[in-house]
Amino acid sequence: IVCYGNRQAGLNGLLTAMALGHQVGRVHTDTPEFAAWWQSLSGQAAWPPTPESWVEADLLLCVHGRKILPRQVLDLYLLGGVNLHPFLKEGAGGHPMPEVVRRTRACETFKMASVWAHRMTSIVDTGEMLSVAGCPMPVDHGCDAQPEHIYNALYPFYVHAVALALAIVQKEGAEILKKQKQHGNGGSP
């Protein structure tokens, strides 16, 4: 797996993949804190996401990535890319939280605080939904919502959504490998 992530949500996604036994080959990040943490854990450098820094792998896991990735990057991954997105239905795109906070402060209510996992495509946030995890929107945040309060409520659900999505993709990868072996191509997915 290649992981692209930032901040606590990105760490949650990365740790979940590792805890489930997935091998992480490279990490991309936009934040120095995340880079320092990854280097202290693995001894490997975290790469800034530049066009030449992406490498082929089975899967790209994007959790709190800040950049929209071009099709040629997504094409490097046999099983594609999976993106984790808070409040996907309320705020698609690279920065959903300002709209969620604005609407919450205006006392518009959301029934659920949610994290969605979907396939990455060349059209932002339109890929097939793989999993969703969430909880009722915390009442105590109400009209005084701050982004950090909302994210704090969501962090456990990043773990759940990543685990569900990786299970689906892992099953698909096993089916691809089985078909390759049946057709005489013993290569790994």
N, C-alpha and C. Protein backbone atom coordinates (compact mmCIF):
# COMPACT_ATOMS: atom_id res chain seq x y z
N ILE A 1 0.85 -1.18 0.00
CA ILE A 1 0.00 0.00 0.00
C ILE A 1 0.88 1.23 0.00
N VAL A 2 0.48 2.23 -0.72
CA VAL A 2 1.05 3.58 -0.61
C VAL A 2 -0.01 4.41 0.10
N CYS A 3 0.40 5.11 1.15
CA CYS A 3 -0.54 5.96 1.90
C CYS A 3 -0.24 7.42 1.62
N TYR A 4 -1.29 8.17 1.41
CA TYR A 4 -1.19 9.62 1.29
C TYR A 4 -2.11 10.19 2.35
N GLY A 5 -1.53 10.88 3.34
CA GLY A 5 -2.35 11.38 4.43
C GLY A 5 -1.70 12.51 5.17
N ASN A 6 -2.49 13.11 6.02
CA ASN A 6 -2.05 14.24 6.83
C ASN A 6 -2.77 14.23 8.17
N ARG A 7 -2.15 14.83 9.12
CA ARG A 7 -2.71 15.08 10.44
C ARG A 7 -3.20 13.79 11.11
N GLN A 8 -4.04 13.95 12.15
CA GLN A 8 -4.47 12.79 12.92
C GLN A 8 -5.29 11.81 12.09
N ALA A 9 -6.13 12.29 11.20
CA ALA A 9 -6.94 11.39 10.38
C ALA A 9 -6.04 10.53 9.51
N GLY A 10 -5.02 11.12 8.92
CA GLY A 10 -4.08 10.36 8.11
C GLY A 10 -3.33 9.32 8.93
N LEU A 11 -2.94 9.69 10.16
CA LEU A 11 -2.28 8.73 11.04
C LEU A 11 -3.21 7.57 11.38
N ASN A 12 -4.48 7.89 11.63
CA ASN A 12 -5.45 6.83 11.92
C ASN A 12 -5.53 5.84 10.76
N GLY A 13 -5.61 6.36 9.54
CA GLY A 13 -5.70 5.49 8.37
C GLY A 13 -4.46 4.64 8.20
N LEU A 14 -3.30 5.25 8.34
CA LEU A 14 -2.03 4.54 8.21
C LEU A 14 -1.90 3.45 9.27
N LEU A 15 -2.16 3.79 10.53
CA LEU A 15 -2.06 2.81 11.62
C LEU A 15 -3.06 1.68 11.46
N THR A 16 -4.26 1.99 10.97
CA THR A 16 -5.26 0.95 10.75
C THR A 16 -4.77 -0.04 9.69
N ALA A 17 -4.25 0.48 8.58
CA ALA A 17 -3.74 -0.41 7.53
C ALA A 17 -2.62 -1.29 8.08
N MET A 18 -1.72 -0.70 8.84
CA MET A 18 -0.61 -1.47 9.40
C MET A 18 -1.11 -2.50 10.43
N ALA A 19 -2.05 -2.11 11.28
CA ALA A 19 -2.59 -3.02 12.30
C ALA A 19 -3.29 -4.21 11.66
N LEU A 20 -3.85 -4.01 10.48
CA LEU A 20 -4.53 -5.09 9.77
C LEU A 20 -3.55 -5.97 8.98
N GLY A 21 -2.26 -5.66 9.08
CA GLY A 21 -1.24 -6.49 8.46
C GLY A 21 -0.85 -6.10 7.04
N HIS A 22 -1.30 -4.95 6.57
CA HIS A 22 -0.93 -4.50 5.23
C HIS A 22 0.47 -3.90 5.26
N GLN A 23 1.24 -4.18 4.24
CA GLN A 23 2.58 -3.63 4.13
C GLN A 23 2.48 -2.24 3.50
N VAL A 24 3.02 -1.27 4.17
CA VAL A 24 3.03 0.10 3.65
C VAL A 24 4.40 0.34 3.03
N GLY A 25 4.39 0.57 1.73
CA GLY A 25 5.65 0.74 1.01
C GLY A 25 6.17 2.15 0.98
N ARG A 26 5.27 3.10 0.98
CA ARG A 26 5.68 4.50 0.92
C ARG A 26 4.57 5.34 1.53
N VAL A 27 4.96 6.46 2.11
CA VAL A 27 4.01 7.41 2.68
C VAL A 27 4.25 8.77 2.06
N HIS A 28 3.17 9.40 1.64
CA HIS A 28 3.21 10.77 1.14
C HIS A 28 2.46 11.65 2.12
N THR A 29 2.98 12.83 2.36
CA THR A 29 2.31 13.76 3.26
C THR A 29 2.67 15.19 2.89
N ASP A 30 1.80 16.10 3.26
CA ASP A 30 2.04 17.53 3.06
C ASP A 30 2.47 18.21 4.35
N THR A 31 2.46 17.48 5.47
CA THR A 31 2.72 18.12 6.76
C THR A 31 3.99 17.59 7.41
N PRO A 32 4.85 18.47 7.91
CA PRO A 32 6.12 18.04 8.51
C PRO A 32 5.92 17.17 9.75
N GLU A 33 4.86 17.41 10.52
CA GLU A 33 4.64 16.61 11.73
C GLU A 33 4.39 15.14 11.37
N PHE A 34 3.57 14.94 10.34
CA PHE A 34 3.27 13.58 9.89
C PHE A 34 4.55 12.93 9.36
N ALA A 35 5.34 13.66 8.59
CA ALA A 35 6.59 13.14 8.05
C ALA A 35 7.54 12.71 9.17
N ALA A 36 7.67 13.55 10.19
CA ALA A 36 8.56 13.24 11.31
C ALA A 36 8.08 12.00 12.07
N TRP A 37 6.78 11.90 12.26
CA TRP A 37 6.23 10.76 12.97
C TRP A 37 6.51 9.47 12.19
N TRP A 38 6.24 9.49 10.87
CA TRP A 38 6.46 8.30 10.06
C TRP A 38 7.93 7.90 10.07
N GLN A 39 8.82 8.86 9.96
CA GLN A 39 10.25 8.55 9.95
C GLN A 39 10.67 7.94 11.29
N SER A 40 10.15 8.46 12.40
CA SER A 40 10.53 7.91 13.71
C SER A 40 9.99 6.49 13.88
N LEU A 41 8.84 6.19 13.29
CA LEU A 41 8.24 4.86 13.40
C LEU A 41 8.93 3.85 12.50
N SER A 42 9.17 4.23 11.25
CA SER A 42 9.60 3.27 10.24
C SER A 42 11.06 3.39 9.84
N GLY A 43 11.67 4.53 10.11
CA GLY A 43 13.01 4.78 9.63
C GLY A 43 13.05 5.22 8.18
N GLN A 44 11.88 5.32 7.55
CA GLN A 44 11.78 5.74 6.15
C GLN A 44 11.31 7.19 6.09
N ALA A 45 11.72 7.87 5.05
CA ALA A 45 11.27 9.24 4.84
C ALA A 45 9.86 9.23 4.28
N ALA A 46 9.08 10.21 4.64
CA ALA A 46 7.78 10.45 4.02
C ALA A 46 8.03 11.40 2.85
N TRP A 47 7.41 11.14 1.75
CA TRP A 47 7.68 11.88 0.53
C TRP A 47 6.64 12.96 0.33
N PRO A 48 7.07 14.16 -0.07
CA PRO A 48 6.08 15.15 -0.48
C PRO A 48 5.44 14.66 -1.78
N PRO A 49 4.14 14.86 -1.95
CA PRO A 49 3.49 14.34 -3.16
C PRO A 49 3.83 15.15 -4.41
N THR A 50 4.87 14.73 -5.10
CA THR A 50 5.24 15.34 -6.37
C THR A 50 5.01 14.30 -7.47
N PRO A 51 4.86 14.72 -8.72
CA PRO A 51 4.57 13.75 -9.79
C PRO A 51 5.57 12.61 -9.88
N GLU A 52 6.83 12.87 -9.62
CA GLU A 52 7.83 11.82 -9.76
C GLU A 52 8.02 10.97 -8.50
N SER A 53 7.38 11.31 -7.40
CA SER A 53 7.58 10.56 -6.16
C SER A 53 6.63 9.39 -5.97
N TRP A 54 5.61 9.27 -6.80
CA TRP A 54 4.65 8.18 -6.66
C TRP A 54 5.25 6.89 -7.22
N VAL A 55 4.99 5.77 -6.58
CA VAL A 55 5.49 4.48 -7.02
C VAL A 55 4.34 3.51 -7.21
N GLU A 56 4.57 2.51 -8.05
CA GLU A 56 3.55 1.48 -8.26
C GLU A 56 3.38 0.66 -6.98
N ALA A 57 2.14 0.26 -6.74
CA ALA A 57 1.82 -0.60 -5.60
C ALA A 57 0.45 -1.21 -5.86
N ASP A 58 0.01 -2.06 -4.95
CA ASP A 58 -1.31 -2.66 -5.11
C ASP A 58 -2.42 -1.64 -4.90
N LEU A 59 -2.25 -0.74 -3.93
CA LEU A 59 -3.35 0.15 -3.54
C LEU A 59 -2.82 1.48 -3.04
N LEU A 60 -3.55 2.52 -3.34
CA LEU A 60 -3.31 3.84 -2.76
C LEU A 60 -4.40 4.10 -1.73
N LEU A 61 -4.00 4.39 -0.51
CA LEU A 61 -4.94 4.74 0.56
C LEU A 61 -4.74 6.22 0.87
N CYS A 62 -5.77 7.00 0.64
CA CYS A 62 -5.70 8.45 0.84
C CYS A 62 -6.62 8.83 2.01
N VAL A 63 -6.00 9.33 3.07
CA VAL A 63 -6.75 9.73 4.26
C VAL A 63 -6.32 11.14 4.64
N HIS A 64 -7.17 12.09 4.36
CA HIS A 64 -6.91 13.50 4.65
C HIS A 64 -5.80 14.05 3.74
N GLY A 65 -5.77 13.53 2.51
CA GLY A 65 -4.85 14.08 1.51
C GLY A 65 -5.33 15.47 1.12
N ARG A 66 -4.42 16.35 0.84
CA ARG A 66 -4.77 17.74 0.56
C ARG A 66 -4.78 18.08 -0.92
N LYS A 67 -4.27 17.19 -1.75
CA LYS A 67 -4.18 17.49 -3.18
C LYS A 67 -5.07 16.54 -3.97
N ILE A 68 -5.59 17.04 -5.07
CA ILE A 68 -6.35 16.20 -5.99
C ILE A 68 -5.31 15.50 -6.88
N LEU A 69 -5.37 14.19 -6.93
CA LEU A 69 -4.36 13.43 -7.66
C LEU A 69 -4.79 13.20 -9.10
N PRO A 70 -3.85 13.35 -10.03
CA PRO A 70 -4.19 13.16 -11.45
C PRO A 70 -4.37 11.69 -11.79
N ARG A 71 -5.05 11.43 -12.88
CA ARG A 71 -5.34 10.08 -13.35
C ARG A 71 -4.07 9.24 -13.47
N GLN A 72 -2.96 9.82 -13.97
CA GLN A 72 -1.74 9.03 -14.15
C GLN A 72 -1.19 8.52 -12.83
N VAL A 73 -1.44 9.21 -11.73
CA VAL A 73 -1.04 8.69 -10.42
C VAL A 73 -1.97 7.54 -10.03
N LEU A 74 -3.26 7.72 -10.19
CA LEU A 74 -4.22 6.66 -9.82
C LEU A 74 -3.98 5.39 -10.62
N ASP A 75 -3.51 5.52 -11.84
CA ASP A 75 -3.28 4.36 -12.70
C ASP A 75 -2.09 3.51 -12.25
N LEU A 76 -1.30 3.97 -11.30
CA LEU A 76 -0.15 3.21 -10.80
C LEU A 76 -0.56 2.06 -9.89
N TYR A 77 -1.81 2.02 -9.46
CA TYR A 77 -2.23 1.09 -8.42
C TYR A 77 -3.18 0.04 -8.99
N LEU A 78 -2.76 -1.22 -8.92
CA LEU A 78 -3.51 -2.33 -9.49
C LEU A 78 -4.96 -2.34 -8.98
N LEU A 79 -5.14 -2.13 -7.69
CA LEU A 79 -6.48 -2.15 -7.10
C LEU A 79 -7.07 -0.75 -6.96
N GLY A 80 -6.41 0.23 -7.55
CA GLY A 80 -6.92 1.59 -7.54
C GLY A 80 -6.59 2.34 -6.26
N GLY A 81 -7.38 3.35 -6.02
CA GLY A 81 -7.20 4.16 -4.83
C GLY A 81 -8.48 4.20 -4.02
N VAL A 82 -8.31 4.32 -2.70
CA VAL A 82 -9.43 4.48 -1.78
C VAL A 82 -9.21 5.79 -1.04
N ASN A 83 -10.24 6.62 -1.04
CA ASN A 83 -10.18 7.92 -0.37
C ASN A 83 -11.14 7.92 0.81
N LEU A 84 -10.68 8.43 1.93
CA LEU A 84 -11.53 8.60 3.11
C LEU A 84 -11.92 10.06 3.18
N HIS A 85 -13.18 10.30 3.41
CA HIS A 85 -13.70 11.67 3.33
C HIS A 85 -14.73 11.91 4.43
N PRO A 86 -14.53 12.92 5.27
CA PRO A 86 -15.57 13.23 6.25
C PRO A 86 -16.72 13.97 5.56
N PHE A 87 -17.92 13.67 5.98
CA PHE A 87 -19.11 14.39 5.51
C PHE A 87 -19.16 14.49 3.98
N LEU A 88 -18.94 13.37 3.31
CA LEU A 88 -18.89 13.41 1.85
C LEU A 88 -20.18 13.96 1.24
N LYS A 89 -21.30 13.57 1.76
CA LYS A 89 -22.58 14.02 1.18
C LYS A 89 -22.84 15.50 1.44
N GLU A 90 -22.22 16.05 2.47
CA GLU A 90 -22.43 17.45 2.79
C GLU A 90 -21.38 18.38 2.21
N GLY A 91 -20.20 17.82 1.89
CA GLY A 91 -19.13 18.69 1.43
C GLY A 91 -18.08 17.96 0.63
N ALA A 92 -18.37 17.62 -0.61
CA ALA A 92 -17.37 16.97 -1.46
C ALA A 92 -16.25 17.96 -1.77
N GLY A 93 -15.10 17.41 -2.16
CA GLY A 93 -13.96 18.24 -2.50
C GLY A 93 -12.89 18.17 -1.43
N GLY A 94 -11.82 18.92 -1.68
CA GLY A 94 -10.64 18.84 -0.82
C GLY A 94 -10.76 19.45 0.56
N HIS A 95 -11.74 20.28 0.79
CA HIS A 95 -11.86 20.96 2.09
C HIS A 95 -13.32 21.03 2.52
N PRO A 96 -13.89 19.91 3.00
CA PRO A 96 -15.31 19.90 3.35
C PRO A 96 -15.63 20.57 4.68
N MET A 97 -14.68 20.61 5.60
CA MET A 97 -15.00 21.03 6.96
C MET A 97 -15.47 22.48 7.08
N PRO A 98 -14.91 23.45 6.34
CA PRO A 98 -15.44 24.82 6.50
C PRO A 98 -16.94 24.92 6.21
N GLU A 99 -17.42 24.20 5.21
CA GLU A 99 -18.86 24.22 4.91
C GLU A 99 -19.66 23.53 6.01
N VAL A 100 -19.15 22.43 6.53
CA VAL A 100 -19.83 21.73 7.62
C VAL A 100 -19.90 22.64 8.85
N VAL A 101 -18.81 23.29 9.18
CA VAL A 101 -18.79 24.20 10.34
C VAL A 101 -19.73 25.38 10.12
N ARG A 102 -19.68 25.96 8.93
CA ARG A 102 -20.57 27.09 8.64
C ARG A 102 -22.03 26.70 8.83
N ARG A 103 -22.40 25.56 8.27
CA ARG A 103 -23.79 25.13 8.36
C ARG A 103 -24.16 24.75 9.79
N THR A 104 -23.22 24.17 10.53
CA THR A 104 -23.50 23.80 11.92
C THR A 104 -23.66 25.05 12.77
N ARG A 105 -22.81 26.05 12.54
CA ARG A 105 -22.92 27.31 13.29
C ARG A 105 -24.21 28.05 12.96
N ALA A 106 -24.73 27.82 11.76
CA ALA A 106 -26.01 28.41 11.38
C ALA A 106 -27.16 27.57 11.94
N CYS A 107 -26.81 26.59 12.77
CA CYS A 107 -27.76 25.70 13.43
C CYS A 107 -28.51 24.80 12.46
N GLU A 108 -27.93 24.59 11.27
CA GLU A 108 -28.46 23.54 10.41
C GLU A 108 -27.98 22.23 11.03
N THR A 109 -28.81 21.27 11.08
CA THR A 109 -28.43 20.04 11.76
C THR A 109 -28.04 18.95 10.75
N PHE A 110 -27.08 18.17 11.15
CA PHE A 110 -26.70 16.97 10.43
C PHE A 110 -27.11 15.81 11.32
N LYS A 111 -27.73 14.83 10.74
CA LYS A 111 -28.13 13.68 11.54
C LYS A 111 -26.92 12.85 11.96
N MET A 112 -25.92 12.79 11.08
CA MET A 112 -24.77 11.93 11.35
C MET A 112 -23.47 12.67 11.11
N ALA A 113 -22.51 12.41 11.98
CA ALA A 113 -21.12 12.77 11.70
C ALA A 113 -20.55 11.52 11.05
N SER A 114 -20.05 11.65 9.82
CA SER A 114 -19.73 10.44 9.07
C SER A 114 -18.38 10.53 8.35
N VAL A 115 -17.80 9.36 8.13
CA VAL A 115 -16.59 9.20 7.34
C VAL A 115 -16.92 8.18 6.25
N TRP A 116 -16.67 8.57 5.02
CA TRP A 116 -16.97 7.73 3.86
C TRP A 116 -15.67 7.24 3.24
N ALA A 117 -15.67 6.00 2.77
CA ALA A 117 -14.56 5.47 1.98
C ALA A 117 -15.11 5.20 0.59
N HIS A 118 -14.44 5.75 -0.41
CA HIS A 118 -14.89 5.54 -1.78
C HIS A 118 -13.69 5.33 -2.70
N ARG A 119 -13.95 4.74 -3.84
CA ARG A 119 -12.91 4.55 -4.83
C ARG A 119 -12.54 5.91 -5.42
N MET A 120 -11.27 6.06 -5.71
CA MET A 120 -10.80 7.29 -6.32
C MET A 120 -10.93 7.18 -7.83
N THR A 121 -11.43 8.22 -8.45
CA THR A 121 -11.52 8.30 -9.90
C THR A 121 -10.94 9.64 -10.33
N SER A 122 -10.89 9.87 -11.63
CA SER A 122 -10.36 11.14 -12.12
C SER A 122 -11.33 12.30 -11.86
N ILE A 123 -12.57 11.98 -11.49
CA ILE A 123 -13.54 13.01 -11.11
C ILE A 123 -13.64 12.99 -9.59
N VAL A 124 -13.33 14.09 -8.96
CA VAL A 124 -13.19 14.17 -7.50
C VAL A 124 -14.46 13.72 -6.78
N ASP A 125 -14.27 12.81 -5.83
CA ASP A 125 -15.31 12.38 -4.90
C ASP A 125 -16.56 11.81 -5.55
N THR A 126 -16.37 11.10 -6.65
CA THR A 126 -17.52 10.50 -7.33
C THR A 126 -17.42 8.99 -7.43
N GLY A 127 -16.36 8.40 -6.91
CA GLY A 127 -16.16 6.96 -7.05
C GLY A 127 -17.13 6.14 -6.22
N GLU A 128 -17.18 4.86 -6.53
CA GLU A 128 -18.05 3.92 -5.84
C GLU A 128 -17.82 3.95 -4.33
N MET A 129 -18.91 4.00 -3.58
CA MET A 129 -18.83 3.98 -2.12
C MET A 129 -18.48 2.58 -1.65
N LEU A 130 -17.51 2.46 -0.76
CA LEU A 130 -17.11 1.18 -0.21
C LEU A 130 -17.60 0.99 1.21
N SER A 131 -17.56 2.04 2.01
CA SER A 131 -18.00 1.94 3.40
C SER A 131 -18.30 3.32 3.94
N VAL A 132 -19.07 3.32 5.00
CA VAL A 132 -19.35 4.55 5.74
C VAL A 132 -19.44 4.18 7.21
N ALA A 133 -18.93 5.05 8.04
CA ALA A 133 -19.01 4.85 9.48
C ALA A 133 -19.32 6.19 10.11
N GLY A 134 -20.07 6.19 11.19
CA GLY A 134 -20.39 7.46 11.82
C GLY A 134 -21.18 7.28 13.09
N CYS A 135 -21.61 8.42 13.58
CA CYS A 135 -22.38 8.45 14.82
C CYS A 135 -23.33 9.64 14.73
N PRO A 136 -24.33 9.67 15.60
CA PRO A 136 -25.17 10.87 15.62
C PRO A 136 -24.28 12.09 15.89
N MET A 137 -24.60 13.19 15.24
CA MET A 137 -23.81 14.41 15.42
C MET A 137 -23.82 14.79 16.89
N PRO A 138 -22.66 14.99 17.48
CA PRO A 138 -22.60 15.31 18.91
C PRO A 138 -23.42 16.56 19.24
N VAL A 139 -24.35 16.41 20.16
CA VAL A 139 -25.27 17.50 20.50
C VAL A 139 -24.53 18.66 21.14
N ASP A 140 -23.53 18.38 21.97
CA ASP A 140 -22.86 19.46 22.70
C ASP A 140 -22.09 20.41 21.79
N HIS A 141 -21.87 20.03 20.53
CA HIS A 141 -21.16 20.95 19.63
C HIS A 141 -22.12 21.98 19.06
N GLY A 142 -23.34 21.58 18.80
CA GLY A 142 -24.40 22.48 18.37
C GLY A 142 -23.93 23.65 17.53
N CYS A 143 -24.42 24.81 17.85
CA CYS A 143 -24.14 26.01 17.08
C CYS A 143 -22.75 26.59 17.35
N ASP A 144 -22.03 26.05 18.32
CA ASP A 144 -20.69 26.52 18.63
C ASP A 144 -19.61 25.61 18.07
N ALA A 145 -19.94 24.88 17.03
CA ALA A 145 -19.04 23.86 16.48
C ALA A 145 -17.70 24.45 16.06
N GLN A 146 -16.64 23.75 16.41
CA GLN A 146 -15.29 24.06 15.99
C GLN A 146 -14.80 22.86 15.19
N PRO A 147 -13.99 23.08 14.15
CA PRO A 147 -13.51 21.94 13.34
C PRO A 147 -12.87 20.85 14.19
N GLU A 148 -12.06 21.23 15.19
CA GLU A 148 -11.37 20.20 15.98
C GLU A 148 -12.35 19.36 16.78
N HIS A 149 -13.47 19.93 17.23
CA HIS A 149 -14.48 19.14 17.95
C HIS A 149 -15.12 18.11 17.02
N ILE A 150 -15.41 18.55 15.82
CA ILE A 150 -16.03 17.63 14.86
C ILE A 150 -15.06 16.52 14.47
N TYR A 151 -13.81 16.89 14.19
CA TYR A 151 -12.81 15.86 13.87
C TYR A 151 -12.62 14.90 15.03
N ASN A 152 -12.57 15.40 16.25
CA ASN A 152 -12.40 14.52 17.41
C ASN A 152 -13.51 13.48 17.49
N ALA A 153 -14.73 13.87 17.13
CA ALA A 153 -15.84 12.91 17.11
C ALA A 153 -15.67 11.89 16.00
N LEU A 154 -15.00 12.28 14.92
CA LEU A 154 -14.88 11.41 13.74
C LEU A 154 -13.71 10.43 13.77
N TYR A 155 -12.65 10.71 14.53
CA TYR A 155 -11.44 9.89 14.45
C TYR A 155 -11.70 8.39 14.60
N PRO A 156 -12.50 7.93 15.55
CA PRO A 156 -12.74 6.48 15.64
C PRO A 156 -13.40 5.91 14.38
N PHE A 157 -14.15 6.73 13.68
CA PHE A 157 -14.86 6.25 12.50
C PHE A 157 -13.97 6.17 11.27
N TYR A 158 -12.87 6.90 11.28
CA TYR A 158 -11.88 6.71 10.22
C TYR A 158 -11.34 5.28 10.29
N VAL A 159 -11.05 4.82 11.50
CA VAL A 159 -10.53 3.46 11.68
C VAL A 159 -11.53 2.45 11.12
N HIS A 160 -12.78 2.59 11.50
CA HIS A 160 -13.82 1.65 11.06
C HIS A 160 -13.98 1.68 9.54
N ALA A 161 -14.08 2.88 8.95
CA ALA A 161 -14.27 2.99 7.51
C ALA A 161 -13.07 2.44 6.73
N VAL A 162 -11.86 2.69 7.21
CA VAL A 162 -10.66 2.16 6.55
C VAL A 162 -10.67 0.63 6.62
N ALA A 163 -10.97 0.08 7.79
CA ALA A 163 -10.96 -1.38 7.94
C ALA A 163 -11.98 -2.03 7.01
N LEU A 164 -13.18 -1.48 6.93
CA LEU A 164 -14.20 -2.04 6.05
C LEU A 164 -13.77 -1.95 4.58
N ALA A 165 -13.28 -0.80 4.17
CA ALA A 165 -12.87 -0.61 2.77
C ALA A 165 -11.70 -1.52 2.40
N LEU A 166 -10.72 -1.65 3.28
CA LEU A 166 -9.57 -2.51 2.99
C LEU A 166 -10.00 -3.98 2.89
N ALA A 167 -10.97 -4.39 3.69
CA ALA A 167 -11.47 -5.77 3.60
C ALA A 167 -12.10 -6.02 2.23
N ILE A 168 -12.86 -5.07 1.73
CA ILE A 168 -13.48 -5.20 0.41
C ILE A 168 -12.42 -5.26 -0.68
N VAL A 169 -11.47 -4.35 -0.63
CA VAL A 169 -10.42 -4.29 -1.65
C VAL A 169 -9.52 -5.53 -1.57
N GLN A 170 -9.24 -6.00 -0.37
CA GLN A 170 -8.40 -7.20 -0.22
C GLN A 170 -9.09 -8.41 -0.84
N LYS A 171 -10.39 -8.53 -0.66
CA LYS A 171 -11.14 -9.64 -1.27
C LYS A 171 -11.07 -9.55 -2.79
N GLU A 172 -11.23 -8.34 -3.33
CA GLU A 172 -11.12 -8.15 -4.78
C GLU A 172 -9.72 -8.50 -5.28
N GLY A 173 -8.71 -8.13 -4.51
CA GLY A 173 -7.33 -8.45 -4.89
C GLY A 173 -7.10 -9.95 -4.94
N ALA A 174 -7.69 -10.69 -3.99
CA ALA A 174 -7.56 -12.15 -3.99
C ALA A 174 -8.23 -12.74 -5.22
N GLU A 175 -9.35 -12.19 -5.62
CA GLU A 175 -10.04 -12.67 -6.83
C GLU A 175 -9.22 -12.38 -8.08
N ILE A 176 -8.58 -11.22 -8.14
CA ILE A 176 -7.72 -10.89 -9.29
C ILE A 176 -6.55 -11.87 -9.36
N LEU A 177 -5.92 -12.15 -8.23
CA LEU A 177 -4.79 -13.08 -8.19
C LEU A 177 -5.23 -14.47 -8.63
N LYS A 178 -6.39 -14.91 -8.17
CA LYS A 178 -6.91 -16.22 -8.55
C LYS A 178 -7.12 -16.30 -10.07
N LYS A 179 -7.68 -15.25 -10.66
CA LYS A 179 -7.89 -15.22 -12.12
C LYS A 179 -6.56 -15.23 -12.86
N GLN A 180 -5.57 -14.48 -12.34
CA GLN A 180 -4.26 -14.47 -12.99
C GLN A 180 -3.64 -15.85 -12.97
N LYS A 181 -3.76 -16.57 -11.88
CA LYS A 181 -3.19 -17.93 -11.77
C LYS A 181 -3.92 -18.88 -12.69
N GLN A 182 -5.23 -18.72 -12.83
CA GLN A 182 -6.01 -19.58 -13.72
C GLN A 182 -5.62 -19.38 -15.17
N HIS A 183 -5.18 -18.17 -15.49
CA HIS A 183 -4.80 -17.85 -16.87
C HIS A 183 -3.30 -17.97 -17.10
N GLY A 184 -2.59 -18.58 -16.14
CA GLY A 184 -1.17 -18.83 -16.32
C GLY A 184 -0.27 -17.66 -15.98
N ASN A 185 -0.82 -16.59 -15.41
CA ASN A 185 -0.01 -15.44 -15.01
C ASN A 185 0.13 -15.51 -13.50
N GLY A 186 1.24 -15.98 -13.01
CA GLY A 186 1.44 -16.17 -11.58
C GLY A 186 1.84 -14.92 -10.84
N GLY A 187 1.83 -13.76 -11.51
CA GLY A 187 2.23 -12.52 -10.85
C GLY A 187 1.31 -12.15 -9.73
N SER A 188 1.79 -11.37 -8.81
CA SER A 188 0.96 -10.95 -7.68
C SER A 188 0.16 -9.71 -8.07
N PRO A 189 -0.99 -9.54 -7.40
CA PRO A 189 -1.81 -8.35 -7.71
C PRO A 189 -1.17 -7.09 -7.20
